[in-house]
N, C-alpha and C. Protein backbone atom coordinates (compact mmCIF):
# COMPACT_ATOMS: atom_id res chain seq x y z
N MET A 1 0.84 -1.21 -0.01
CA MET A 1 0.01 0.02 -0.03
C MET A 1 0.88 1.21 0.03
N THR A 2 0.64 2.21 -0.93
CA THR A 2 1.47 3.34 -1.10
C THR A 2 0.95 4.34 0.03
N LYS A 3 1.94 5.31 0.36
CA LYS A 3 1.60 6.35 1.34
C LYS A 3 0.33 7.17 0.98
N MET A 4 0.21 7.40 -0.40
CA MET A 4 -0.97 8.17 -0.77
C MET A 4 -2.23 7.42 -0.48
N VAL A 5 -2.22 6.13 -0.74
CA VAL A 5 -3.39 5.32 -0.50
C VAL A 5 -3.68 5.25 1.05
N LEU A 6 -2.64 4.99 1.81
CA LEU A 6 -2.77 4.93 3.24
C LEU A 6 -3.30 6.19 3.81
N ASP A 7 -2.86 7.36 3.30
CA ASP A 7 -3.37 8.64 3.77
C ASP A 7 -4.85 8.73 3.40
N LYS A 8 -5.23 8.36 2.27
CA LYS A 8 -6.70 8.47 1.89
C LYS A 8 -7.55 7.55 2.78
N HIS A 9 -7.05 6.38 3.00
CA HIS A 9 -7.83 5.45 3.86
C HIS A 9 -7.87 6.03 5.37
N ARG A 10 -6.87 6.57 5.77
CA ARG A 10 -6.88 7.27 7.09
C ARG A 10 -8.03 8.36 7.17
N GLY A 11 -7.94 9.15 6.14
CA GLY A 11 -8.84 10.26 6.04
C GLY A 11 -10.32 9.79 5.96
N THR A 12 -10.57 8.76 5.15
CA THR A 12 -11.94 8.12 5.13
C THR A 12 -12.37 7.63 6.48
N PHE A 13 -11.51 6.90 7.16
CA PHE A 13 -11.83 6.39 8.48
C PHE A 13 -12.13 7.47 9.43
N LEU A 14 -11.32 8.42 9.52
CA LEU A 14 -11.47 9.61 10.44
C LEU A 14 -12.73 10.26 10.17
N ARG A 15 -13.09 10.52 8.86
CA ARG A 15 -14.30 11.18 8.57
C ARG A 15 -15.56 10.38 9.08
N VAL A 16 -15.67 9.09 8.70
CA VAL A 16 -16.80 8.26 9.08
C VAL A 16 -16.94 8.21 10.58
N TYR A 17 -15.85 8.04 11.32
CA TYR A 17 -15.99 7.77 12.76
C TYR A 17 -16.08 9.10 13.52
N THR A 18 -15.51 10.17 12.93
CA THR A 18 -15.81 11.47 13.59
C THR A 18 -17.28 11.90 13.50
N GLU A 19 -17.79 11.59 12.36
CA GLU A 19 -19.28 11.81 12.22
C GLU A 19 -20.08 10.99 13.11
N ALA A 20 -19.67 9.74 13.29
CA ALA A 20 -20.37 8.84 14.26
C ALA A 20 -20.22 9.38 15.61
N ASP A 21 -19.03 9.92 16.02
CA ASP A 21 -18.75 10.40 17.37
C ASP A 21 -19.73 11.66 17.62
N ILE A 22 -19.85 12.50 16.59
CA ILE A 22 -20.67 13.73 16.74
C ILE A 22 -22.08 13.30 16.97
N LYS A 23 -22.58 12.34 16.25
CA LYS A 23 -23.97 11.92 16.34
C LYS A 23 -24.28 11.35 17.75
N CYS A 24 -23.27 10.64 18.38
CA CYS A 24 -23.55 10.15 19.66
C CYS A 24 -23.03 10.97 20.75
N GLN A 25 -22.54 12.23 20.46
CA GLN A 25 -22.05 13.22 21.33
C GLN A 25 -20.87 12.68 22.16
N ASP A 26 -20.06 11.89 21.42
CA ASP A 26 -18.85 11.40 22.08
C ASP A 26 -17.87 12.52 22.37
N THR A 27 -17.27 12.45 23.62
CA THR A 27 -16.37 13.44 24.04
C THR A 27 -15.00 12.98 24.15
N SER A 28 -14.65 11.85 23.57
CA SER A 28 -13.32 11.12 23.71
C SER A 28 -12.20 11.97 23.19
N ASP A 29 -12.49 12.78 22.13
CA ASP A 29 -11.38 13.65 21.61
C ASP A 29 -10.83 14.64 22.58
N THR A 30 -11.63 15.10 23.51
CA THR A 30 -11.17 16.05 24.49
C THR A 30 -10.76 15.50 25.78
N ASP A 31 -11.21 14.18 26.04
CA ASP A 31 -10.83 13.49 27.30
C ASP A 31 -10.46 12.14 26.96
N PRO A 32 -9.16 11.79 26.83
CA PRO A 32 -8.68 10.52 26.39
C PRO A 32 -8.97 9.35 27.49
N PHE A 33 -9.41 9.77 28.69
CA PHE A 33 -9.66 8.78 29.68
C PHE A 33 -11.15 8.72 30.01
N PRO A 34 -11.88 7.65 29.51
CA PRO A 34 -13.28 7.55 29.73
C PRO A 34 -13.55 7.47 31.30
N ALA A 35 -14.68 7.96 31.59
CA ALA A 35 -15.04 8.00 33.12
C ALA A 35 -15.13 6.69 33.64
N TYR A 36 -14.58 6.47 34.84
CA TYR A 36 -14.64 5.20 35.52
C TYR A 36 -14.97 5.48 36.97
N LEU A 37 -16.18 5.12 37.46
CA LEU A 37 -16.68 5.45 38.74
C LEU A 37 -16.56 4.17 39.53
N GLU A 38 -15.81 4.06 40.62
CA GLU A 38 -15.65 2.96 41.48
C GLU A 38 -17.05 2.64 41.99
N GLY A 39 -17.42 1.34 41.76
CA GLY A 39 -18.63 0.77 42.41
C GLY A 39 -19.90 1.00 41.50
N ILE A 40 -19.72 1.78 40.44
CA ILE A 40 -20.92 2.18 39.53
C ILE A 40 -20.84 1.25 38.36
N ASP A 41 -19.84 1.37 37.59
CA ASP A 41 -19.78 0.61 36.24
C ASP A 41 -19.17 -0.76 36.63
N THR A 42 -19.89 -1.80 36.54
CA THR A 42 -19.28 -3.12 36.81
C THR A 42 -19.09 -4.00 35.65
N THR A 43 -19.18 -3.47 34.47
CA THR A 43 -19.00 -4.29 33.26
C THR A 43 -17.49 -4.56 33.04
N LEU A 44 -17.26 -5.65 32.30
CA LEU A 44 -15.87 -5.96 32.03
C LEU A 44 -15.23 -4.94 31.15
N ALA A 45 -15.92 -4.56 30.10
CA ALA A 45 -15.35 -3.58 29.13
C ALA A 45 -16.47 -2.55 28.73
N PRO A 46 -16.73 -1.62 29.44
CA PRO A 46 -17.83 -0.67 29.14
C PRO A 46 -17.51 0.01 27.80
N PHE A 47 -18.60 0.46 27.13
CA PHE A 47 -18.41 1.10 25.85
C PHE A 47 -18.08 2.54 26.10
N CYS A 48 -16.84 2.93 25.95
CA CYS A 48 -16.37 4.27 26.07
C CYS A 48 -15.51 4.44 24.76
N PRO A 49 -16.14 4.85 23.73
CA PRO A 49 -15.41 4.86 22.41
C PRO A 49 -14.15 5.65 22.41
N THR A 50 -13.09 5.13 21.93
CA THR A 50 -11.78 5.84 21.71
C THR A 50 -11.84 6.69 20.51
N SER A 51 -11.27 7.87 20.52
CA SER A 51 -11.38 8.68 19.45
C SER A 51 -10.74 8.06 18.18
N ALA A 52 -11.18 8.46 16.98
CA ALA A 52 -10.71 7.86 15.79
C ALA A 52 -9.20 8.01 15.58
N ASN A 53 -8.69 9.23 15.96
CA ASN A 53 -7.31 9.54 15.90
C ASN A 53 -6.48 8.57 16.76
N ARG A 54 -7.06 8.42 17.93
CA ARG A 54 -6.30 7.51 18.91
C ARG A 54 -6.31 6.05 18.42
N VAL A 55 -7.37 5.63 17.79
CA VAL A 55 -7.39 4.26 17.22
C VAL A 55 -6.24 4.04 16.18
N LEU A 56 -6.05 5.06 15.27
CA LEU A 56 -5.07 4.95 14.28
C LEU A 56 -3.69 5.02 14.95
N GLN A 57 -3.49 5.84 16.00
CA GLN A 57 -2.24 5.89 16.63
C GLN A 57 -1.85 4.60 17.32
N ALA A 58 -2.85 3.97 18.01
CA ALA A 58 -2.58 2.72 18.69
C ALA A 58 -2.25 1.58 17.67
N LEU A 59 -2.92 1.47 16.55
CA LEU A 59 -2.63 0.48 15.59
C LEU A 59 -1.22 0.62 14.94
N GLU A 60 -0.91 1.93 14.77
CA GLU A 60 0.43 2.28 14.21
C GLU A 60 1.55 1.91 15.22
N MET A 61 1.28 2.20 16.51
CA MET A 61 2.23 1.79 17.58
C MET A 61 2.42 0.32 17.67
N ALA A 62 1.39 -0.42 17.27
CA ALA A 62 1.46 -1.87 17.29
C ALA A 62 1.93 -2.44 15.94
N ASN A 63 2.23 -1.55 14.98
CA ASN A 63 2.76 -1.97 13.68
C ASN A 63 1.82 -2.91 13.00
N VAL A 64 0.49 -2.75 12.98
CA VAL A 64 -0.49 -3.61 12.37
C VAL A 64 -0.24 -3.50 10.85
N SER A 65 -0.26 -4.68 10.17
CA SER A 65 0.03 -4.76 8.76
C SER A 65 -0.86 -5.88 8.10
N ARG A 66 -0.59 -6.15 6.85
CA ARG A 66 -1.31 -7.17 6.09
C ARG A 66 -1.20 -8.58 6.71
N ASP A 67 -0.17 -8.79 7.43
CA ASP A 67 0.07 -10.17 8.04
C ASP A 67 -0.65 -10.43 9.27
N ASP A 68 -1.46 -9.42 9.76
CA ASP A 68 -1.99 -9.59 11.10
C ASP A 68 -3.41 -9.96 11.09
N ARG A 69 -3.73 -10.62 12.20
CA ARG A 69 -5.12 -11.00 12.51
C ARG A 69 -5.46 -10.43 13.84
N LEU A 70 -6.42 -9.47 13.91
CA LEU A 70 -6.65 -8.72 15.21
C LEU A 70 -7.93 -9.16 15.86
N LEU A 71 -7.85 -9.24 17.15
CA LEU A 71 -8.97 -9.60 18.02
C LEU A 71 -9.17 -8.43 18.96
N ASP A 72 -10.43 -7.88 18.93
CA ASP A 72 -10.80 -6.78 19.91
C ASP A 72 -11.73 -7.32 20.92
N LEU A 73 -11.29 -7.38 22.21
CA LEU A 73 -12.04 -7.89 23.28
C LEU A 73 -12.96 -6.80 23.87
N GLY A 74 -14.17 -6.69 23.33
CA GLY A 74 -15.08 -5.65 23.70
C GLY A 74 -15.02 -4.50 22.62
N SER A 75 -15.47 -4.81 21.48
CA SER A 75 -15.21 -4.01 20.30
C SER A 75 -16.13 -2.81 20.13
N GLY A 76 -17.09 -2.61 20.94
CA GLY A 76 -17.95 -1.41 20.87
C GLY A 76 -18.55 -1.22 19.46
N ASP A 77 -18.26 -0.08 18.86
CA ASP A 77 -18.83 0.19 17.51
C ASP A 77 -17.82 -0.27 16.39
N GLY A 78 -16.81 -1.13 16.77
CA GLY A 78 -16.08 -1.75 15.75
C GLY A 78 -14.88 -1.01 15.14
N ARG A 79 -14.57 0.13 15.67
CA ARG A 79 -13.61 1.05 15.03
C ARG A 79 -12.17 0.43 14.99
N PHE A 80 -11.73 -0.37 15.91
CA PHE A 80 -10.43 -0.94 15.82
C PHE A 80 -10.36 -2.01 14.71
N CYS A 81 -11.36 -2.81 14.64
CA CYS A 81 -11.51 -3.95 13.60
C CYS A 81 -11.50 -3.27 12.23
N THR A 82 -12.38 -2.34 12.11
CA THR A 82 -12.58 -1.67 10.78
C THR A 82 -11.25 -0.99 10.35
N ALA A 83 -10.56 -0.25 11.23
CA ALA A 83 -9.34 0.41 10.93
C ALA A 83 -8.25 -0.63 10.56
N ALA A 84 -8.17 -1.61 11.31
CA ALA A 84 -7.15 -2.68 11.07
C ALA A 84 -7.26 -3.17 9.67
N VAL A 85 -8.35 -3.46 9.18
CA VAL A 85 -8.62 -4.00 7.82
C VAL A 85 -8.64 -2.97 6.70
N ALA A 86 -9.50 -1.94 6.90
CA ALA A 86 -9.75 -0.96 5.88
C ALA A 86 -8.62 0.08 5.73
N VAL A 87 -7.87 0.29 6.77
CA VAL A 87 -6.76 1.24 6.73
C VAL A 87 -5.43 0.60 6.47
N TYR A 88 -5.13 -0.42 7.36
CA TYR A 88 -3.81 -1.05 7.38
C TYR A 88 -3.84 -2.43 6.67
N GLY A 89 -4.93 -2.85 6.06
CA GLY A 89 -4.95 -4.06 5.21
C GLY A 89 -4.68 -5.30 6.02
N ALA A 90 -5.06 -5.40 7.28
CA ALA A 90 -4.86 -6.64 8.03
C ALA A 90 -5.66 -7.76 7.43
N ALA A 91 -5.14 -8.94 7.46
CA ALA A 91 -5.73 -10.10 6.96
C ALA A 91 -7.12 -10.47 7.51
N HIS A 92 -7.33 -10.16 8.77
CA HIS A 92 -8.60 -10.46 9.38
C HIS A 92 -8.81 -9.74 10.70
N ALA A 93 -10.02 -9.42 11.06
CA ALA A 93 -10.26 -8.79 12.35
C ALA A 93 -11.53 -9.25 12.90
N MET A 94 -11.55 -9.52 14.21
CA MET A 94 -12.85 -9.96 14.88
C MET A 94 -12.98 -9.09 16.15
N GLY A 95 -14.23 -8.60 16.28
CA GLY A 95 -14.66 -7.89 17.47
C GLY A 95 -15.74 -8.69 18.27
N ILE A 96 -15.48 -8.76 19.56
CA ILE A 96 -16.45 -9.49 20.37
C ILE A 96 -17.09 -8.43 21.25
N GLU A 97 -18.47 -8.37 21.17
CA GLU A 97 -19.23 -7.33 21.75
C GLU A 97 -20.51 -7.91 22.39
N SER A 98 -20.91 -7.57 23.59
CA SER A 98 -22.04 -8.06 24.27
C SER A 98 -23.38 -7.38 23.87
N ASP A 99 -23.27 -6.17 23.31
CA ASP A 99 -24.47 -5.42 23.08
C ASP A 99 -24.80 -5.52 21.55
N PRO A 100 -25.96 -6.19 21.23
CA PRO A 100 -26.36 -6.43 19.91
C PRO A 100 -26.49 -5.14 19.15
N SER A 101 -26.95 -4.12 19.72
CA SER A 101 -27.18 -2.80 18.92
C SER A 101 -25.76 -2.32 18.40
N LEU A 102 -24.75 -2.55 19.27
CA LEU A 102 -23.42 -2.09 18.78
C LEU A 102 -22.89 -2.91 17.65
N ILE A 103 -23.28 -4.17 17.59
CA ILE A 103 -22.88 -5.04 16.59
C ILE A 103 -23.49 -4.59 15.26
N GLU A 104 -24.70 -4.09 15.28
CA GLU A 104 -25.25 -3.61 13.95
C GLU A 104 -24.63 -2.31 13.60
N VAL A 105 -24.34 -1.45 14.63
CA VAL A 105 -23.72 -0.15 14.30
C VAL A 105 -22.29 -0.41 13.74
N SER A 106 -21.56 -1.38 14.30
CA SER A 106 -20.22 -1.83 13.81
C SER A 106 -20.29 -2.18 12.31
N LYS A 107 -21.24 -3.00 12.00
CA LYS A 107 -21.36 -3.44 10.60
C LYS A 107 -21.62 -2.36 9.61
N SER A 108 -22.52 -1.42 10.12
CA SER A 108 -22.89 -0.28 9.27
C SER A 108 -21.74 0.67 8.98
N LEU A 109 -20.93 1.00 10.11
CA LEU A 109 -19.83 1.86 9.99
C LEU A 109 -18.68 1.23 9.10
N CYS A 110 -18.47 -0.04 9.29
CA CYS A 110 -17.47 -0.72 8.56
C CYS A 110 -17.80 -0.71 7.04
N GLN A 111 -19.12 -0.89 6.79
CA GLN A 111 -19.49 -0.87 5.32
C GLN A 111 -19.32 0.56 4.76
N GLN A 112 -19.62 1.59 5.57
CA GLN A 112 -19.42 2.93 5.06
C GLN A 112 -17.97 3.26 4.75
N VAL A 113 -17.10 2.76 5.55
CA VAL A 113 -15.63 2.98 5.23
C VAL A 113 -15.23 2.23 4.09
N ALA A 114 -15.71 1.05 3.92
CA ALA A 114 -15.31 0.11 2.78
C ALA A 114 -15.86 0.79 1.44
N THR A 115 -17.11 1.22 1.48
CA THR A 115 -17.73 1.78 0.26
C THR A 115 -17.02 3.10 -0.11
N ALA A 116 -16.66 3.90 0.83
CA ALA A 116 -15.99 5.18 0.61
C ALA A 116 -14.59 4.93 0.05
N ASN A 117 -13.85 3.89 0.57
CA ASN A 117 -12.54 3.55 0.08
C ASN A 117 -12.58 3.01 -1.37
N ALA A 118 -13.64 2.25 -1.68
CA ALA A 118 -13.85 1.73 -3.01
C ALA A 118 -14.10 2.79 -3.99
N ALA A 119 -14.93 3.84 -3.55
CA ALA A 119 -15.23 4.94 -4.45
C ALA A 119 -13.92 5.76 -4.76
N THR A 120 -13.10 5.93 -3.73
CA THR A 120 -11.87 6.61 -3.94
C THR A 120 -10.95 5.88 -4.87
N ALA A 121 -10.89 4.51 -4.77
CA ALA A 121 -10.04 3.72 -5.65
C ALA A 121 -10.65 3.81 -7.15
N THR A 122 -11.89 3.78 -7.30
CA THR A 122 -12.46 3.88 -8.60
C THR A 122 -12.14 5.22 -9.28
N ALA A 123 -12.34 6.29 -8.45
CA ALA A 123 -12.07 7.62 -8.95
C ALA A 123 -10.58 7.85 -9.38
N ALA A 124 -9.71 7.05 -8.72
CA ALA A 124 -8.29 7.18 -9.05
C ALA A 124 -7.97 6.35 -10.23
N GLY A 125 -8.84 5.47 -10.63
CA GLY A 125 -8.53 4.52 -11.73
C GLY A 125 -8.68 5.17 -13.14
N ASP A 126 -8.60 4.42 -14.18
CA ASP A 126 -8.58 4.94 -15.51
C ASP A 126 -9.92 4.67 -16.16
N GLY A 127 -10.65 5.69 -16.53
CA GLY A 127 -11.94 5.63 -17.25
C GLY A 127 -12.92 4.80 -16.50
N GLY A 128 -12.91 4.84 -15.16
CA GLY A 128 -14.02 4.19 -14.38
C GLY A 128 -13.71 2.60 -14.30
N PHE A 129 -12.63 2.06 -14.79
CA PHE A 129 -12.43 0.70 -14.76
C PHE A 129 -12.32 0.25 -13.24
N VAL A 130 -13.06 -0.83 -12.91
CA VAL A 130 -13.06 -1.36 -11.58
C VAL A 130 -12.06 -2.46 -11.59
N GLY A 131 -10.85 -2.06 -11.02
CA GLY A 131 -9.73 -2.91 -10.90
C GLY A 131 -9.68 -3.73 -9.63
N LYS A 132 -8.53 -4.50 -9.48
CA LYS A 132 -8.37 -5.35 -8.33
C LYS A 132 -8.46 -4.57 -7.01
N GLU A 133 -7.77 -3.34 -6.99
CA GLU A 133 -7.84 -2.63 -5.80
C GLU A 133 -9.08 -2.18 -5.32
N THR A 134 -10.01 -1.73 -6.29
CA THR A 134 -11.34 -1.38 -5.99
C THR A 134 -12.16 -2.58 -5.44
N GLN A 135 -11.97 -3.74 -6.04
CA GLN A 135 -12.72 -4.91 -5.60
C GLN A 135 -12.19 -5.23 -4.22
N GLU A 136 -11.02 -5.08 -3.89
CA GLU A 136 -10.47 -5.42 -2.51
C GLU A 136 -11.06 -4.42 -1.52
N GLU A 137 -11.26 -3.14 -1.87
CA GLU A 137 -11.75 -2.19 -0.98
C GLU A 137 -13.29 -2.57 -0.63
N GLU A 138 -14.01 -2.92 -1.74
CA GLU A 138 -15.40 -3.27 -1.61
C GLU A 138 -15.59 -4.48 -0.71
N ASN A 139 -14.61 -5.42 -0.81
CA ASN A 139 -14.69 -6.66 -0.01
C ASN A 139 -14.09 -6.58 1.35
N ALA A 140 -13.62 -5.45 1.77
CA ALA A 140 -12.89 -5.34 3.00
C ALA A 140 -13.77 -5.85 4.20
N CYS A 141 -15.07 -5.62 4.10
CA CYS A 141 -15.87 -6.03 5.33
C CYS A 141 -15.99 -7.47 5.43
N SER A 142 -15.66 -8.20 4.38
CA SER A 142 -15.68 -9.68 4.41
C SER A 142 -14.56 -10.24 5.27
N LYS A 143 -13.55 -9.36 5.58
CA LYS A 143 -12.47 -9.74 6.44
C LYS A 143 -12.73 -9.26 7.91
N VAL A 144 -13.82 -8.70 8.12
CA VAL A 144 -14.12 -8.25 9.52
C VAL A 144 -15.36 -9.03 10.06
N GLU A 145 -15.34 -9.46 11.26
CA GLU A 145 -16.38 -10.18 11.88
C GLU A 145 -16.70 -9.52 13.23
N PHE A 146 -17.95 -9.41 13.49
CA PHE A 146 -18.47 -9.00 14.83
C PHE A 146 -19.32 -10.04 15.48
N VAL A 147 -18.85 -10.50 16.62
CA VAL A 147 -19.50 -11.61 17.28
C VAL A 147 -20.17 -11.10 18.56
N GLU A 148 -21.41 -11.39 18.71
CA GLU A 148 -22.14 -11.04 19.93
C GLU A 148 -21.92 -12.11 21.02
N GLY A 149 -21.48 -11.71 22.17
CA GLY A 149 -21.25 -12.74 23.23
C GLY A 149 -20.48 -12.11 24.35
N ASP A 150 -20.32 -12.97 25.42
CA ASP A 150 -19.58 -12.67 26.62
C ASP A 150 -18.12 -13.05 26.40
N LEU A 151 -17.26 -12.25 26.76
CA LEU A 151 -15.80 -12.53 26.48
C LEU A 151 -15.35 -13.71 27.21
N LEU A 152 -15.92 -14.04 28.32
CA LEU A 152 -15.48 -15.19 29.14
C LEU A 152 -16.20 -16.47 28.79
N ALA A 153 -17.16 -16.37 27.84
CA ALA A 153 -17.92 -17.55 27.39
C ALA A 153 -17.58 -18.05 26.02
N LEU A 154 -16.48 -17.49 25.46
CA LEU A 154 -16.07 -17.80 24.06
C LEU A 154 -14.58 -18.29 24.11
N PRO A 155 -14.23 -19.29 24.79
CA PRO A 155 -12.81 -19.67 24.95
C PRO A 155 -12.19 -20.14 23.60
N VAL A 156 -12.92 -20.75 22.74
CA VAL A 156 -12.37 -21.22 21.46
C VAL A 156 -11.99 -19.98 20.56
N LEU A 157 -12.85 -19.03 20.47
CA LEU A 157 -12.54 -17.87 19.68
C LEU A 157 -11.38 -17.02 20.28
N VAL A 158 -11.47 -16.72 21.63
CA VAL A 158 -10.45 -15.81 22.21
C VAL A 158 -9.14 -16.45 22.26
N ARG A 159 -9.01 -17.84 22.33
CA ARG A 159 -7.71 -18.47 22.48
C ARG A 159 -7.23 -19.02 21.07
N ASP A 160 -7.85 -18.61 20.04
CA ASP A 160 -7.39 -18.99 18.70
C ASP A 160 -5.87 -18.60 18.53
N PRO A 161 -4.96 -19.54 18.21
CA PRO A 161 -3.57 -19.19 18.13
C PRO A 161 -3.23 -18.37 16.98
N ARG A 162 -4.26 -18.12 16.07
CA ARG A 162 -3.92 -17.36 14.85
C ARG A 162 -3.89 -15.79 15.19
N TRP A 163 -4.54 -15.33 16.26
CA TRP A 163 -4.45 -13.91 16.55
C TRP A 163 -3.11 -13.43 16.77
N THR A 164 -2.76 -12.31 16.09
CA THR A 164 -1.40 -11.72 16.31
C THR A 164 -1.46 -10.41 17.07
N VAL A 165 -2.66 -9.77 17.11
CA VAL A 165 -2.79 -8.55 17.88
C VAL A 165 -4.09 -8.64 18.68
N ILE A 166 -3.85 -8.30 19.97
CA ILE A 166 -5.11 -8.31 20.82
C ILE A 166 -5.28 -6.93 21.33
N VAL A 167 -6.54 -6.39 21.21
CA VAL A 167 -6.91 -5.02 21.66
C VAL A 167 -7.85 -5.09 22.82
N LEU A 168 -7.68 -4.42 23.86
CA LEU A 168 -8.58 -4.50 25.02
C LEU A 168 -8.68 -3.12 25.81
N PHE A 169 -9.81 -2.83 26.32
CA PHE A 169 -9.94 -1.79 27.24
C PHE A 169 -10.85 -2.44 28.41
N LEU A 170 -10.03 -2.86 29.45
CA LEU A 170 -10.72 -3.50 30.61
C LEU A 170 -10.48 -2.76 31.91
N LEU A 171 -11.53 -2.67 32.65
CA LEU A 171 -11.31 -1.99 33.97
C LEU A 171 -10.37 -2.78 34.88
N PRO A 172 -9.54 -2.06 35.63
CA PRO A 172 -8.55 -2.78 36.42
C PRO A 172 -9.03 -3.81 37.28
N ASP A 173 -10.29 -3.64 37.88
CA ASP A 173 -10.86 -4.65 38.72
C ASP A 173 -11.04 -6.00 38.03
N HIS A 174 -11.03 -6.03 36.72
CA HIS A 174 -11.28 -7.35 36.03
C HIS A 174 -10.05 -7.86 35.29
N THR A 175 -8.95 -7.24 35.47
CA THR A 175 -7.75 -7.59 34.72
C THR A 175 -7.29 -9.07 35.01
N ASP A 176 -7.48 -9.46 36.35
CA ASP A 176 -7.08 -10.76 36.66
C ASP A 176 -7.87 -11.90 35.97
N LYS A 177 -9.08 -11.52 35.52
CA LYS A 177 -9.89 -12.59 34.88
C LYS A 177 -9.33 -12.89 33.47
N PHE A 178 -8.53 -12.00 32.92
CA PHE A 178 -7.98 -12.12 31.61
C PHE A 178 -6.43 -12.31 31.62
N ALA A 179 -5.88 -12.38 32.72
CA ALA A 179 -4.40 -12.48 32.83
C ALA A 179 -3.82 -13.78 32.07
N ASP A 180 -4.46 -14.86 32.34
CA ASP A 180 -3.97 -16.14 31.74
C ASP A 180 -4.15 -16.00 30.23
N LEU A 181 -5.32 -15.53 29.77
CA LEU A 181 -5.48 -15.45 28.27
C LEU A 181 -4.44 -14.46 27.68
N LEU A 182 -4.20 -13.37 28.28
CA LEU A 182 -3.24 -12.42 27.66
C LEU A 182 -1.80 -12.91 27.73
N ARG A 183 -1.46 -13.62 28.85
CA ARG A 183 -0.07 -14.28 28.88
C ARG A 183 0.05 -15.28 27.78
N TYR A 184 -1.05 -16.04 27.55
CA TYR A 184 -1.03 -17.12 26.48
C TYR A 184 -0.72 -16.45 25.14
N HIS A 185 -1.40 -15.42 24.80
CA HIS A 185 -1.18 -14.76 23.51
C HIS A 185 0.21 -14.13 23.44
N TYR A 186 0.54 -13.49 24.56
CA TYR A 186 1.88 -12.76 24.68
C TYR A 186 3.01 -13.79 24.48
N ASP A 187 2.91 -14.93 25.11
CA ASP A 187 3.98 -15.91 25.05
C ASP A 187 4.10 -16.46 23.57
N ARG A 188 3.04 -16.50 22.81
CA ARG A 188 3.11 -16.89 21.45
C ARG A 188 3.66 -15.86 20.48
N GLY A 189 3.81 -14.67 21.01
CA GLY A 189 4.35 -13.58 20.14
C GLY A 189 3.41 -12.52 19.74
N ALA A 190 2.13 -12.67 20.15
CA ALA A 190 1.12 -11.55 19.79
C ALA A 190 1.42 -10.30 20.48
N ARG A 191 1.01 -9.14 19.90
CA ARG A 191 1.07 -7.89 20.54
C ARG A 191 -0.12 -7.57 21.32
N ILE A 192 -0.04 -7.08 22.50
CA ILE A 192 -1.18 -6.72 23.27
C ILE A 192 -1.38 -5.26 23.32
N VAL A 193 -2.44 -4.72 22.93
CA VAL A 193 -2.71 -3.21 23.00
C VAL A 193 -3.76 -2.99 24.02
N SER A 194 -3.35 -2.30 25.11
CA SER A 194 -4.24 -1.99 26.15
C SER A 194 -4.54 -0.45 26.10
N LEU A 195 -5.80 -0.12 26.31
CA LEU A 195 -6.24 1.25 26.28
C LEU A 195 -6.55 1.84 27.65
N VAL A 196 -6.18 3.03 27.89
CA VAL A 196 -6.49 3.82 29.18
C VAL A 196 -5.75 3.23 30.36
N PHE A 197 -5.87 1.92 30.58
CA PHE A 197 -5.16 1.32 31.78
C PHE A 197 -4.01 0.38 31.38
N ASN A 198 -2.87 0.56 32.03
CA ASN A 198 -1.81 -0.36 31.78
C ASN A 198 -2.02 -1.75 32.38
N LEU A 199 -1.17 -2.67 32.02
CA LEU A 199 -1.30 -4.12 32.46
C LEU A 199 -0.23 -4.40 33.45
N ASN A 200 0.27 -3.48 34.25
CA ASN A 200 1.31 -3.68 35.14
C ASN A 200 0.99 -4.78 36.18
N GLU A 201 -0.24 -5.08 36.48
CA GLU A 201 -0.64 -6.11 37.47
C GLU A 201 -0.43 -7.49 36.90
N ILE A 202 -0.28 -7.62 35.59
CA ILE A 202 0.02 -8.96 34.98
C ILE A 202 1.49 -9.23 34.86
N GLN A 203 1.98 -10.10 35.66
CA GLN A 203 3.39 -10.43 35.65
C GLN A 203 3.82 -11.09 34.32
N GLY A 204 5.05 -10.70 33.95
CA GLY A 204 5.55 -11.44 32.78
C GLY A 204 5.37 -10.66 31.43
N LEU A 205 4.62 -9.56 31.45
CA LEU A 205 4.38 -8.80 30.17
C LEU A 205 5.46 -7.66 30.03
N SER A 206 6.05 -7.57 28.96
CA SER A 206 7.09 -6.47 28.68
C SER A 206 6.43 -5.38 27.79
N LEU A 207 6.51 -4.14 28.43
CA LEU A 207 5.96 -3.05 27.67
C LEU A 207 6.94 -2.60 26.61
N LYS A 208 6.46 -2.63 25.29
CA LYS A 208 7.44 -2.24 24.24
C LYS A 208 7.34 -0.73 23.98
N VAL A 209 6.12 -0.19 23.96
CA VAL A 209 5.99 1.30 23.71
C VAL A 209 4.73 1.74 24.32
N SER A 210 4.67 2.96 24.69
CA SER A 210 3.47 3.61 25.31
C SER A 210 3.33 5.02 25.04
N ASP A 211 2.15 5.55 25.21
CA ASP A 211 1.90 7.02 25.18
C ASP A 211 0.94 7.16 26.37
N GLU A 212 1.58 7.65 27.49
CA GLU A 212 0.82 7.81 28.72
C GLU A 212 -0.28 8.88 28.58
N PRO A 213 -0.07 10.06 27.94
CA PRO A 213 -1.09 11.05 27.82
C PRO A 213 -2.27 10.51 27.10
N GLN A 214 -2.03 9.69 26.06
CA GLN A 214 -3.13 9.16 25.19
C GLN A 214 -3.73 7.81 25.79
N GLY A 215 -3.03 7.23 26.75
CA GLY A 215 -3.57 6.01 27.37
C GLY A 215 -3.45 4.80 26.41
N ILE A 216 -2.28 4.74 25.80
CA ILE A 216 -2.04 3.56 24.86
C ILE A 216 -0.79 2.81 25.33
N TYR A 217 -0.98 1.49 25.51
CA TYR A 217 0.15 0.64 26.02
C TYR A 217 0.23 -0.57 25.11
N VAL A 218 1.43 -0.83 24.55
CA VAL A 218 1.68 -1.91 23.63
C VAL A 218 2.71 -2.88 24.26
N TYR A 219 2.24 -4.12 24.54
CA TYR A 219 3.13 -5.11 25.08
C TYR A 219 3.59 -6.15 23.96
N GLU A 220 4.74 -6.50 23.99
CA GLU A 220 5.30 -7.54 23.01
C GLU A 220 6.53 -8.23 23.58
N LYS A 221 6.58 -9.57 23.32
CA LYS A 221 7.68 -10.31 23.79
C LYS A 221 8.99 -9.81 23.15
N PRO A 222 9.99 -9.65 23.90
CA PRO A 222 11.30 -9.21 23.32
C PRO A 222 11.77 -10.26 22.41
């Protein structure tokens, strides 16, 4: 993928998800740390959407590329999965989300990004010819899956050894429930991307790169 194409894909993703953020009055661009109230929010991974810019930054810090298969544990509106495939060309991405309404939103937004990317590829072509690149853009959503379910009730999916990048935003109170899973993927060589909260409580994980102000932590085996 050329830099020009990558920049266009970034622009499309930012436009679609920024519009989505405005519609749901998302304030994540001004506050990188979603509210966490002790004793109030007891969900494993509450839906606190990360800004579109921060999504791209996190994926770039994790060096996501065409060889990767990304799993998002608590995917919300699907922005990490969509960006991984539609912007960085990942081979596959799966988001697990317990809210069925967010599953539908995820599919819709993913299709919007794919359609816009395909239109851009067609416009850049010769005489309206629909070439291989345009077809790949149109089929991008076929590489993205959104699964409704409980993170702790899908052991076969979440422990699939093919995942190379794991994305999560989990409240510190629940980190211990996922420690074994994260160490399993980490020991295999997968990159772990944690948002807002670091994973210092999990022994054996090596922090490769982080951006404290933005709340992005990438763990990878040396």
